[in-house]
Amino acid sequence: MNALHLLHVEDSSDDAELIRHALLKGPFEFTLTRVENEADYIAQLETAPPDAIICDYNLPQFSAERALAIIGERKLDIPFIVASHHLGESAAVVAMQNGASDYLPKRNLERLPKAIESAVDRCNARREKIKAQEALRESEAIRRGILDSLLSQILLVDGKGVILAVNKAWESFEHARRPDASEGLSTGANYLDALRKADEHGDEYAGALAEGLRTVIAREKKLFSMEYQVTTGSGTRWYVARATPLEGNDQATVISHRDVSDRMMSHVAIEDANKRLRNLSKRMLAIQEEERRAISRELHDDIGQTLAALKIGLHRLTTASGGEQPALVAECLGAATSALEKLHQLAMDLRPPQLDQLGLKEALEWLAERQSAVSGIVVTCKSTGADARAPAAIESACYRIAQEALNNATRHSKAKQVAINLESDGALLKLVVRDDGVGFDEPSERLHTIRSGSMGLIGMEERAHLAGGRLKLRSVPGSGTTVSAIFPLVERERHEANSRVAVTSA
């Protein structure tokens, strides 16, 4: 036995010495800590729980009954020995009923070491038994939990095909139900017989499945596996049935049915995703080319012509008479001013300087004023709590989403009013663009977008996603359209800060 940590509840130093002297005769090493009141007693229980407690029955400000009650309140299993000068038989019985392990009179302490040793052994035995029971329950719960957590529908059958056990997934496995019965197959039913009946009712997979399972049950094969499909009112589902002998058992067989519909349908999903990606890539390239052609036309047909006129005017100045020069200078200045204005407008269309210099709020206000002046639609812009600058990627995404939503409202929705709302609470940035136009059917429009390769709706979603946010679109024919984009600010800022720290450290 290792050295015991003993707690002694005693107010008399002489009696404490008697207890220590009696313990020195015991067959074990020990450390003894003495307390006299409830506060010190509780402190010892919380900081250094003892292996056993020796307690006087009555103290001026404490008692063995209270000490036992405290142990009970804390649900502690600690051997408790009452040692007292004067304790009647009835009081001793009450103490034992309240949880005391033993009672000793202080005038006869020879039995104290043996009493402690026995109480500690009994306590350890109780703890080991409880631990073993808990381990058994936990093991059973884990085994059953693992079985029930599996998505595959699993059953265990004996050598005749009778179901011995099923997991929770099997209980809700609608396609395992017998066609001639309203209840599902459960423990005690014969699975092979049910498959044969299903085969008689025309189930294409049932006969082959029954024959394959029979070969494993008869131990003619160690493994059987087959794919099959079941068509119901909600659609077609694909499954893989698999049978293997239960390890360590000559009769039992484990059968599982796993839903592989997602895998079977993934080819279609992948193809759709690839098609969407190809359409997006083609459309992005087309838009880039369109933007380049537009810029080229602006530079060549408009600004280029203006600069050519300016050049001609400057040449004329070299040969003009004194009276013609003021008019030619004015003409040249007008041409230069026109070229500068067109360059400024072209730069503003590509990226407004307000977005970089002043921020998203001012850029959206400028966009609203410009779009309202160009289209004649009443465009309002309102912001709440968005004074602080957001990360550049989020500001750019918000601006482009608002720009695309305004273009859609102008070109397609026949809207008369458009409202732009920008809100931020420091953790989230939310952009909402709402128009009162004709609206549209969202599923049909999304399908048309994918097929046609248009970048409108998909482009806005991609911009929001790449900036770490998400976009929602709500539109009903005749009730307008609302585009909402939400971006988390805290996580983004933390990520960028960590990135800056990593770069600095490198």
Protein backbone atom coordinates (compact mmCIF):
# COMPACT_ATOMS: atom_id res chain seq x y z
CA MET A 1 0.00 0.00 0.00
CA ASN A 2 1.33 3.44 -0.89
CA ALA A 3 1.67 6.15 1.73
CA LEU A 4 -1.83 7.29 2.77
CA HIS A 5 -2.87 10.90 2.98
CA LEU A 6 -5.04 11.13 6.11
CA LEU A 7 -7.18 14.05 7.23
CA HIS A 8 -7.76 14.39 11.00
CA VAL A 9 -10.67 16.54 12.22
CA GLU A 10 -9.77 17.28 15.86
CA ASP A 11 -9.66 20.33 18.15
CA SER A 12 -7.52 18.78 20.90
CA SER A 13 -3.77 18.64 20.31
CA ASP A 14 -3.42 15.93 22.98
CA ASP A 15 -6.00 13.71 21.27
CA ALA A 16 -4.35 14.43 17.93
CA GLU A 17 -1.09 13.13 19.35
CA LEU A 18 -2.86 9.97 20.56
CA ILE A 19 -4.16 9.36 17.06
CA ARG A 20 -0.71 9.91 15.52
CA HIS A 21 0.89 7.55 18.04
CA ALA A 22 -1.67 4.85 17.26
CA LEU A 23 -1.12 5.26 13.49
CA LEU A 24 2.65 4.82 13.89
CA LYS A 25 1.97 1.20 14.85
CA GLY A 26 0.23 0.56 11.54
CA PRO A 27 1.69 -1.36 8.56
CA PHE A 28 1.58 1.65 6.23
CA GLU A 29 3.24 5.01 5.82
CA PHE A 30 1.08 8.11 6.09
CA THR A 31 0.88 11.89 6.16
CA LEU A 32 -1.55 13.41 8.66
CA THR A 33 -3.17 16.83 8.26
CA ARG A 34 -5.25 18.20 11.14
CA VAL A 35 -8.14 20.69 10.81
CA GLU A 36 -10.49 22.06 13.46
CA ASN A 37 -13.34 23.79 11.60
CA GLU A 38 -15.60 23.41 8.59
CA ALA A 39 -13.82 25.96 6.38
CA ASP A 40 -10.42 24.24 6.69
CA TYR A 41 -12.10 20.85 6.24
CA ILE A 42 -13.74 21.92 2.95
CA ALA A 43 -10.50 23.51 1.77
CA GLN A 44 -8.64 20.22 2.27
CA LEU A 45 -11.34 18.26 0.42
CA GLU A 46 -11.10 20.63 -2.54
CA THR A 47 -7.33 21.01 -2.74
CA ALA A 48 -6.02 17.62 -1.57
CA PRO A 49 -8.73 14.96 -1.14
CA PRO A 50 -7.52 12.48 1.50
CA ASP A 51 -7.43 8.70 1.31
CA ALA A 52 -9.29 8.51 4.64
CA ILE A 53 -10.76 10.84 7.27
CA ILE A 54 -10.51 10.46 11.07
CA CYS A 55 -13.02 12.67 12.82
CA ASP A 56 -13.95 13.49 16.41
CA TYR A 57 -17.70 13.23 16.89
CA ASN A 58 -18.27 16.64 18.50
CA LEU A 59 -16.17 19.78 18.14
CA PRO A 60 -17.00 23.29 19.39
CA GLN A 61 -17.84 24.58 15.88
CA PHE A 62 -18.05 21.36 13.89
CA SER A 63 -19.27 17.75 14.13
CA ALA A 64 -18.87 14.36 12.48
CA GLU A 65 -22.46 14.53 11.25
CA ARG A 66 -21.76 17.78 9.39
CA ALA A 67 -18.47 16.39 8.05
CA LEU A 68 -20.32 13.35 6.68
CA ALA A 69 -23.02 15.58 5.18
CA ILE A 70 -20.39 17.62 3.34
CA ILE A 71 -18.92 14.45 1.84
CA GLY A 72 -22.41 13.37 0.77
CA GLU A 73 -23.16 16.75 -0.81
CA ARG A 74 -19.99 16.50 -2.88
CA LYS A 75 -20.66 12.83 -3.73
CA LEU A 76 -17.21 11.80 -2.47
CA ASP A 77 -16.38 8.19 -1.60
CA ILE A 78 -13.83 8.59 1.19
CA PRO A 79 -13.44 6.20 4.18
CA PHE A 80 -14.64 8.00 7.32
CA ILE A 81 -13.57 6.79 10.80
CA VAL A 82 -15.25 8.30 13.87
CA ALA A 83 -12.94 8.46 16.92
CA SER A 84 -14.48 9.95 20.06
CA HIS A 85 -14.24 9.75 23.87
CA HIS A 86 -17.98 9.73 24.50
CA LEU A 87 -20.34 8.34 21.91
CA GLY A 88 -23.38 6.28 22.72
CA GLU A 89 -24.38 3.20 20.82
CA SER A 90 -27.33 4.94 19.17
CA ALA A 91 -25.13 7.83 18.00
CA ALA A 92 -22.59 5.36 16.62
CA VAL A 93 -25.35 3.58 14.69
CA VAL A 94 -26.57 6.90 13.27
CA ALA A 95 -23.01 7.79 12.21
CA MET A 96 -22.64 4.44 10.45
CA GLN A 97 -26.00 4.91 8.72
CA ASN A 98 -24.88 8.37 7.54
CA GLY A 99 -21.84 6.90 5.83
CA ALA A 100 -19.17 6.39 8.47
CA SER A 101 -16.93 3.40 7.77
CA ASP A 102 -16.16 2.58 11.44
CA TYR A 103 -16.29 3.89 15.01
CA LEU A 104 -13.51 3.73 17.61
CA PRO A 105 -13.37 5.02 21.19
CA LYS A 106 -10.27 7.12 21.84
CA ARG A 107 -9.46 5.04 24.89
CA ASN A 108 -8.87 2.03 22.67
CA LEU A 109 -7.09 3.01 19.42
CA GLU A 110 -5.12 -0.20 18.81
CA ARG A 111 -7.58 -1.13 16.08
CA LEU A 112 -7.28 2.24 14.29
CA PRO A 113 -4.61 1.24 11.69
CA LYS A 114 -6.48 -1.96 10.83
CA ALA A 115 -9.79 -0.08 10.62
CA ILE A 116 -8.27 2.47 8.21
CA GLU A 117 -6.62 -0.23 6.13
CA SER A 118 -9.86 -2.20 5.84
CA ALA A 119 -11.92 0.90 5.04
CA VAL A 120 -9.47 1.97 2.35
CA ASP A 121 -9.46 -1.54 0.83
CA ARG A 122 -13.26 -1.63 0.76
CA CYS A 123 -13.36 1.83 -0.80
CA ASN A 124 -10.83 0.84 -3.47
CA ALA A 125 -12.84 -2.30 -4.22
CA ARG A 126 -16.01 -0.22 -4.62
CA ARG A 127 -14.23 2.19 -6.92
CA GLU A 128 -12.80 -0.61 -9.05
CA LYS A 129 -16.23 -2.24 -9.31
CA ILE A 130 -17.85 1.05 -10.31
CA LYS A 131 -15.06 1.71 -12.77
CA ALA A 132 -15.48 -1.74 -14.30
CA GLN A 133 -19.24 -1.30 -14.56
CA GLU A 134 -18.84 2.13 -16.15
CA ALA A 135 -16.25 0.76 -18.57
CA LEU A 136 -18.62 -2.07 -19.51
CA ARG A 137 -21.51 0.34 -20.04
CA GLU A 138 -19.29 2.71 -21.96
CA SER A 139 -17.95 -0.11 -24.13
CA GLU A 140 -21.47 -1.30 -24.90
CA ALA A 141 -22.63 2.25 -25.58
CA ILE A 142 -19.65 2.89 -27.85
CA ARG A 143 -20.23 -0.37 -29.73
CA ARG A 144 -23.89 0.38 -30.18
CA GLY A 145 -23.20 4.03 -30.90
CA ILE A 146 -20.69 3.15 -33.61
CA LEU A 147 -23.12 0.70 -35.15
CA ASP A 148 -26.01 3.17 -35.04
CA SER A 149 -23.88 6.04 -36.30
CA LEU A 150 -23.07 4.22 -39.51
CA LEU A 151 -25.03 5.48 -42.47
CA SER A 152 -25.09 2.01 -44.00
CA GLN A 153 -28.10 -0.15 -43.18
CA ILE A 154 -26.67 -3.16 -41.36
CA LEU A 155 -28.21 -6.44 -40.23
CA LEU A 156 -26.86 -9.67 -38.81
CA VAL A 157 -28.38 -12.99 -39.96
CA ASP A 158 -27.83 -16.57 -38.86
CA GLY A 159 -27.17 -19.64 -41.00
CA LYS A 160 -30.79 -19.78 -42.15
CA GLY A 161 -31.11 -16.09 -43.00
CA VAL A 162 -33.02 -15.14 -39.83
CA ILE A 163 -32.25 -11.57 -38.70
CA LEU A 164 -30.44 -11.53 -35.36
CA ALA A 165 -29.79 -7.80 -34.99
CA VAL A 166 -30.10 -4.53 -36.93
CA ASN A 167 -28.74 -1.00 -36.52
CA LYS A 168 -30.81 2.16 -36.33
CA ALA A 169 -30.27 3.01 -39.98
CA TRP A 170 -31.83 -0.32 -40.98
CA GLU A 171 -34.98 0.45 -39.01
CA SER A 172 -35.70 3.39 -41.29
CA PHE A 173 -34.56 1.63 -44.45
CA GLU A 174 -37.76 1.87 -46.49
CA HIS A 175 -36.46 -0.19 -49.39
CA ALA A 176 -35.80 -3.18 -47.14
CA ARG A 177 -39.52 -3.57 -46.43
CA ARG A 178 -41.30 -6.64 -47.71
CA PRO A 179 -43.64 -5.83 -50.58
CA ASP A 180 -46.39 -7.94 -49.07
CA ALA A 181 -46.28 -6.51 -45.55
CA SER A 182 -46.80 -3.11 -43.99
CA GLU A 183 -44.04 -3.55 -41.41
CA GLY A 184 -40.34 -3.49 -42.06
CA LEU A 185 -38.00 -6.44 -41.63
CA SER A 186 -36.73 -6.61 -38.06
CA THR A 187 -35.23 -9.11 -35.62
CA GLY A 188 -36.73 -12.57 -36.04
CA ALA A 189 -37.78 -12.18 -39.69
CA ASN A 190 -36.14 -14.28 -42.42
CA TYR A 191 -34.33 -11.98 -44.80
CA LEU A 192 -33.74 -14.56 -47.51
CA ASP A 193 -37.45 -15.47 -47.58
CA ALA A 194 -38.33 -11.78 -47.87
CA LEU A 195 -35.96 -11.39 -50.84
CA ARG A 196 -37.46 -14.42 -52.56
CA LYS A 197 -40.95 -12.97 -52.15
CA ALA A 198 -39.71 -9.64 -53.47
CA ASP A 199 -38.30 -11.46 -56.49
CA GLU A 200 -41.71 -13.06 -57.09
CA HIS A 201 -43.26 -9.58 -57.02
CA GLY A 202 -40.94 -8.44 -59.79
CA ASP A 203 -38.10 -6.68 -57.95
CA GLU A 204 -35.21 -6.99 -60.40
CA TYR A 205 -32.46 -7.01 -57.80
CA ALA A 206 -34.01 -9.29 -55.18
CA GLY A 207 -33.30 -12.67 -56.80
CA ALA A 208 -29.65 -11.96 -57.52
CA LEU A 209 -29.19 -10.48 -54.04
CA ALA A 210 -30.75 -13.51 -52.36
CA GLU A 211 -28.55 -15.92 -54.31
CA GLY A 212 -25.40 -13.93 -53.58
CA LEU A 213 -26.18 -13.72 -49.86
CA ARG A 214 -26.87 -17.47 -49.78
CA THR A 215 -23.35 -18.23 -51.03
CA VAL A 216 -21.80 -16.25 -48.16
CA ILE A 217 -24.19 -17.64 -45.53
CA ALA A 218 -23.31 -21.16 -46.73
CA ARG A 219 -19.62 -20.15 -46.60
CA GLU A 220 -19.18 -20.91 -50.28
CA LYS A 221 -17.76 -17.38 -50.67
CA LYS A 222 -16.10 -15.00 -48.25
CA LEU A 223 -17.50 -11.89 -49.87
CA PHE A 224 -20.47 -10.89 -51.98
CA SER A 225 -21.19 -7.41 -53.31
CA MET A 226 -23.61 -6.00 -55.86
CA GLU A 227 -25.08 -2.69 -56.92
CA TYR A 228 -28.80 -2.21 -57.43
CA GLN A 229 -31.26 0.60 -57.80
CA VAL A 230 -34.70 1.23 -56.35
CA THR A 231 -37.22 3.58 -57.95
CA THR A 232 -39.82 5.24 -55.74
CA GLY A 233 -42.16 8.17 -56.05
CA SER A 234 -39.38 10.50 -54.93
CA GLY A 235 -36.90 9.27 -57.54
CA THR A 236 -34.24 6.64 -58.07
CA ARG A 237 -31.68 5.66 -55.46
CA TRP A 238 -28.62 3.45 -55.94
CA TYR A 239 -27.31 1.04 -53.29
CA VAL A 240 -24.41 -1.36 -52.78
CA ALA A 241 -25.23 -4.57 -50.88
CA ARG A 242 -22.31 -6.34 -49.24
CA ALA A 243 -22.17 -9.58 -47.22
CA THR A 244 -19.24 -10.99 -45.21
CA PRO A 245 -19.01 -13.72 -42.55
CA LEU A 246 -18.98 -12.47 -38.96
CA GLU A 247 -15.45 -12.95 -37.64
CA GLY A 248 -15.24 -15.66 -35.01
CA ASN A 249 -18.68 -17.09 -35.81
CA ASP A 250 -19.34 -20.02 -38.13
CA GLN A 251 -23.01 -19.18 -38.70
CA ALA A 252 -23.61 -15.43 -38.55
CA THR A 253 -23.23 -13.12 -41.56
CA VAL A 254 -23.06 -9.33 -41.66
CA ILE A 255 -25.07 -7.69 -44.45
CA SER A 256 -24.91 -4.00 -45.26
CA HIS A 257 -26.76 -1.79 -47.71
CA ARG A 258 -25.00 1.49 -48.48
CA ASP A 259 -26.59 4.38 -50.33
CA VAL A 260 -24.27 5.37 -53.20
CA SER A 261 -26.69 7.66 -55.00
CA ASP A 262 -24.43 10.64 -54.47
CA ARG A 263 -21.53 8.78 -56.04
CA MET A 264 -23.64 7.64 -58.98
CA MET A 265 -25.00 11.13 -59.48
CA SER A 266 -21.64 12.83 -58.97
CA HIS A 267 -20.76 12.34 -62.63
CA VAL A 268 -23.69 14.53 -63.59
CA ALA A 269 -22.82 17.09 -60.91
CA ILE A 270 -19.17 17.18 -61.98
CA GLU A 271 -20.15 17.57 -65.61
CA ASP A 272 -22.52 20.40 -64.73
CA ALA A 273 -19.82 22.08 -62.65
CA ASN A 274 -17.29 21.73 -65.46
CA LYS A 275 -19.78 23.10 -67.95
CA ARG A 276 -20.50 26.02 -65.68
CA LEU A 277 -16.78 26.65 -65.24
CA ARG A 278 -16.21 26.51 -68.99
CA ASN A 279 -19.10 28.92 -69.58
CA LEU A 280 -17.79 31.27 -66.91
CA SER A 281 -14.28 31.15 -68.34
CA LYS A 282 -15.56 31.80 -71.87
CA ARG A 283 -17.77 34.61 -70.68
CA MET A 284 -14.97 36.19 -68.64
CA LEU A 285 -12.68 36.12 -71.66
CA ALA A 286 -15.46 37.54 -73.81
CA ILE A 287 -16.10 40.34 -71.30
CA GLN A 288 -12.40 41.11 -71.14
CA GLU A 289 -12.28 41.35 -74.92
CA GLU A 290 -15.42 43.50 -74.97
CA GLU A 291 -13.92 45.84 -72.37
CA ARG A 292 -10.69 46.02 -74.33
CA ARG A 293 -12.57 46.79 -77.56
CA ALA A 294 -14.61 49.45 -75.79
CA ILE A 295 -11.48 51.06 -74.34
CA SER A 296 -9.79 50.82 -77.73
CA ARG A 297 -12.74 52.53 -79.41
CA GLU A 298 -12.81 55.25 -76.79
CA LEU A 299 -9.08 55.86 -77.17
CA HIS A 300 -9.04 55.71 -80.97
CA ASP A 301 -12.39 57.07 -82.10
CA ASP A 302 -12.95 59.70 -79.46
CA ILE A 303 -9.84 60.63 -77.54
CA GLY A 304 -7.57 59.83 -80.48
CA GLN A 305 -9.59 62.04 -82.82
CA THR A 306 -9.59 64.83 -80.26
CA LEU A 307 -5.82 64.61 -79.87
CA ALA A 308 -5.46 64.57 -83.67
CA ALA A 309 -7.52 67.75 -83.89
CA LEU A 310 -5.33 69.23 -81.16
CA LYS A 311 -2.22 68.33 -83.16
CA ILE A 312 -3.64 69.97 -86.31
CA GLY A 313 -4.53 73.05 -84.33
CA LEU A 314 -1.00 73.30 -82.94
CA HIS A 315 0.45 72.99 -86.44
CA ARG A 316 -1.85 75.78 -87.63
CA LEU A 317 -0.60 77.96 -84.80
CA THR A 318 2.91 77.86 -86.26
CA THR A 319 1.71 79.48 -89.50
CA ALA A 320 -1.26 81.51 -88.27
CA SER A 321 -1.23 85.27 -88.24
CA GLY A 322 -1.47 87.23 -85.04
CA GLY A 323 -5.18 87.77 -85.42
CA GLU A 324 -5.96 84.07 -85.91
CA GLN A 325 -3.88 82.81 -82.96
CA PRO A 326 -6.32 83.56 -80.09
CA ALA A 327 -9.10 81.57 -81.78
CA LEU A 328 -6.74 78.68 -82.55
CA VAL A 329 -5.44 78.65 -78.95
CA ALA A 330 -8.99 78.53 -77.64
CA GLU A 331 -9.77 75.69 -80.04
CA CYS A 332 -6.70 73.76 -78.91
CA LEU A 333 -7.53 74.33 -75.24
CA GLY A 334 -11.06 73.06 -75.86
CA ALA A 335 -9.71 69.95 -77.55
CA ALA A 336 -7.27 69.32 -74.68
CA THR A 337 -10.02 69.83 -72.10
CA SER A 338 -12.31 67.44 -73.98
CA ALA A 339 -9.57 64.79 -74.14
CA LEU A 340 -8.86 65.14 -70.43
CA GLU A 341 -12.54 64.87 -69.56
CA LYS A 342 -12.92 61.73 -71.66
CA LEU A 343 -9.80 60.18 -70.10
CA HIS A 344 -11.17 61.04 -66.67
CA GLN A 345 -14.53 59.45 -67.51
CA LEU A 346 -12.82 56.35 -68.89
CA ALA A 347 -10.74 55.99 -65.70
CA MET A 348 -13.85 56.48 -63.56
CA ASP A 349 -15.65 53.71 -65.46
CA LEU A 350 -12.75 51.32 -64.94
CA ARG A 351 -12.40 52.06 -61.21
CA PRO A 352 -13.63 55.15 -59.39
CA PRO A 353 -10.91 56.84 -57.31
CA GLN A 354 -13.43 57.34 -54.49
CA LEU A 355 -13.23 53.60 -53.78
CA ASP A 356 -9.50 53.73 -53.08
CA GLN A 357 -9.20 57.22 -51.65
CA LEU A 358 -12.41 57.72 -49.66
CA GLY A 359 -13.94 54.26 -49.24
CA LEU A 360 -16.93 52.14 -50.17
CA LYS A 361 -19.58 54.49 -48.74
CA GLU A 362 -18.52 57.46 -50.89
CA ALA A 363 -18.00 55.26 -53.97
CA LEU A 364 -21.54 53.87 -53.70
CA GLU A 365 -22.97 57.37 -53.25
CA TRP A 366 -21.12 58.52 -56.40
CA LEU A 367 -22.35 55.42 -58.28
CA ALA A 368 -25.95 56.12 -57.21
CA GLU A 369 -25.77 59.76 -58.35
CA ARG A 370 -24.14 58.86 -61.67
CA GLN A 371 -26.55 56.01 -62.43
CA SER A 372 -29.52 58.18 -61.52
CA ALA A 373 -28.31 60.98 -63.81
CA VAL A 374 -27.60 58.61 -66.72
CA SER A 375 -30.71 56.38 -66.52
CA GLY A 376 -33.33 58.71 -65.03
CA ILE A 377 -34.12 56.11 -62.34
CA VAL A 378 -34.30 57.38 -58.76
CA VAL A 379 -31.33 55.75 -57.04
CA THR A 380 -30.82 56.36 -53.31
CA CYS A 381 -27.90 55.30 -51.16
CA LYS A 382 -28.05 54.96 -47.38
CA SER A 383 -25.34 53.70 -45.02
CA THR A 384 -25.46 52.78 -41.33
CA GLY A 385 -22.35 52.18 -39.24
CA ALA A 386 -20.13 51.83 -42.32
CA ASP A 387 -17.74 54.70 -41.60
CA ALA A 388 -14.71 52.48 -40.95
CA ARG A 389 -12.87 51.11 -43.97
CA ALA A 390 -13.38 47.45 -44.80
CA PRO A 391 -10.66 45.27 -46.41
CA ALA A 392 -9.98 46.27 -50.01
CA ALA A 393 -11.21 42.95 -51.43
CA ILE A 394 -14.58 43.32 -49.67
CA GLU A 395 -14.99 46.97 -50.73
CA SER A 396 -14.22 46.07 -54.33
CA ALA A 397 -16.64 43.12 -54.30
CA CYS A 398 -19.43 45.26 -52.79
CA TYR A 399 -18.92 48.00 -55.36
CA ARG A 400 -18.96 45.61 -58.32
CA ILE A 401 -22.02 43.76 -56.98
CA ALA A 402 -23.88 47.06 -56.55
CA GLN A 403 -22.76 48.15 -60.02
CA GLU A 404 -24.02 44.92 -61.61
CA ALA A 405 -27.31 45.07 -59.69
CA LEU A 406 -27.87 48.67 -60.85
CA ASN A 407 -27.06 47.73 -64.44
CA ASN A 408 -29.58 44.86 -64.27
CA ALA A 409 -32.22 47.13 -62.79
CA THR A 410 -31.60 49.71 -65.53
CA ARG A 411 -31.51 47.30 -68.48
CA HIS A 412 -34.01 44.57 -67.60
CA SER A 413 -36.24 45.25 -64.61
CA LYS A 414 -37.98 48.47 -65.79
CA ALA A 415 -37.50 49.79 -62.27
CA LYS A 416 -38.43 53.32 -61.29
CA GLN A 417 -36.64 53.34 -57.96
CA VAL A 418 -33.55 51.55 -56.64
CA ALA A 419 -32.37 51.66 -53.03
CA ILE A 420 -28.80 50.85 -51.96
CA ASN A 421 -28.31 50.12 -48.24
CA LEU A 422 -24.91 49.56 -46.65
CA GLU A 423 -24.83 48.39 -43.01
CA SER A 424 -22.01 47.38 -40.68
CA ASP A 425 -21.83 46.49 -36.98
CA GLY A 426 -18.07 45.98 -36.93
CA ALA A 427 -18.36 42.21 -37.35
CA LEU A 428 -20.47 42.00 -40.51
CA LEU A 429 -20.81 44.20 -43.58
CA LYS A 430 -24.13 43.91 -45.42
CA LEU A 431 -24.98 45.34 -48.82
CA VAL A 432 -28.60 45.34 -50.05
CA VAL A 433 -29.72 46.59 -53.48
CA ARG A 434 -33.51 46.59 -53.88
CA ASP A 435 -35.54 47.69 -56.94
CA ASP A 436 -39.26 47.95 -57.65
CA GLY A 437 -39.04 46.43 -61.12
CA VAL A 438 -40.85 43.57 -62.81
CA GLY A 439 -38.74 40.88 -61.13
CA PHE A 440 -38.14 37.43 -62.60
CA ASP A 441 -38.33 33.71 -61.88
CA GLU A 442 -35.03 32.98 -60.13
CA PRO A 443 -34.65 29.21 -60.94
CA SER A 444 -35.39 29.81 -64.63
CA GLU A 445 -33.05 32.79 -64.77
CA ARG A 446 -30.26 30.84 -63.07
CA LEU A 447 -30.66 27.98 -65.55
CA HIS A 448 -30.62 30.47 -68.44
CA THR A 449 -27.52 32.10 -66.98
CA ILE A 450 -25.65 28.80 -66.83
CA ARG A 451 -26.67 27.79 -70.34
CA SER A 452 -25.96 31.15 -71.93
CA GLY A 453 -22.72 31.78 -70.07
CA SER A 454 -23.91 35.16 -68.77
CA MET A 455 -21.80 36.57 -65.95
CA GLY A 456 -24.55 38.61 -64.23
CA LEU A 457 -25.96 36.53 -61.40
CA ILE A 458 -23.14 33.97 -61.31
CA GLY A 459 -20.55 36.74 -61.43
CA MET A 460 -22.03 38.47 -58.39
CA GLU A 461 -22.06 35.18 -56.47
CA GLU A 462 -18.46 34.46 -57.41
CA ARG A 463 -17.34 37.96 -56.37
CA ALA A 464 -19.00 37.56 -52.97
CA HIS A 465 -17.54 34.09 -52.46
CA LEU A 466 -14.00 35.12 -53.41
CA ALA A 467 -14.15 37.98 -50.89
CA GLY A 468 -15.22 35.58 -48.13
CA GLY A 469 -18.92 36.42 -48.13
CA ARG A 470 -22.16 35.06 -49.50
CA LEU A 471 -24.81 36.48 -51.81
CA LYS A 472 -28.55 35.98 -51.72
CA LEU A 473 -30.98 36.95 -54.44
CA ARG A 474 -34.73 37.18 -53.96
CA SER A 475 -37.01 37.99 -56.89
CA VAL A 476 -40.65 37.34 -57.66
CA PRO A 477 -42.25 38.22 -61.00
CA GLY A 478 -44.04 41.53 -60.54
CA SER A 479 -42.54 42.25 -57.10
CA GLY A 480 -39.04 43.55 -57.79
CA THR A 481 -35.61 42.14 -56.99
CA THR A 482 -33.43 42.23 -53.87
CA VAL A 483 -29.72 41.43 -53.94
CA SER A 484 -28.06 40.93 -50.53
CA ALA A 485 -24.37 40.36 -49.88
CA ILE A 486 -22.96 39.68 -46.39
CA PHE A 487 -19.25 39.72 -45.53
CA PRO A 488 -17.65 38.84 -42.16
CA LEU A 489 -15.19 41.55 -41.14
CA VAL A 490 -13.66 40.17 -37.92
CA GLU A 491 -12.41 36.86 -39.35
CA ARG A 492 -11.14 38.57 -42.47
CA GLU A 493 -9.21 41.18 -40.50
CA ARG A 494 -7.75 38.50 -38.22
CA HIS A 495 -6.69 36.45 -41.23
CA GLU A 496 -5.03 39.45 -42.88
CA ALA A 497 -3.30 40.36 -39.61
CA ASN A 498 -1.96 36.82 -39.25
CA SER A 499 -0.77 36.93 -42.86
CA ARG A 500 1.09 40.20 -42.19
CA VAL A 501 2.70 38.69 -39.06
CA ALA A 502 3.78 35.61 -41.03
CA VAL A 503 5.32 37.74 -43.77
CA THR A 504 7.11 39.90 -41.20
CA SER A 505 8.46 36.85 -39.39
CA ALA A 506 9.70 35.37 -42.64
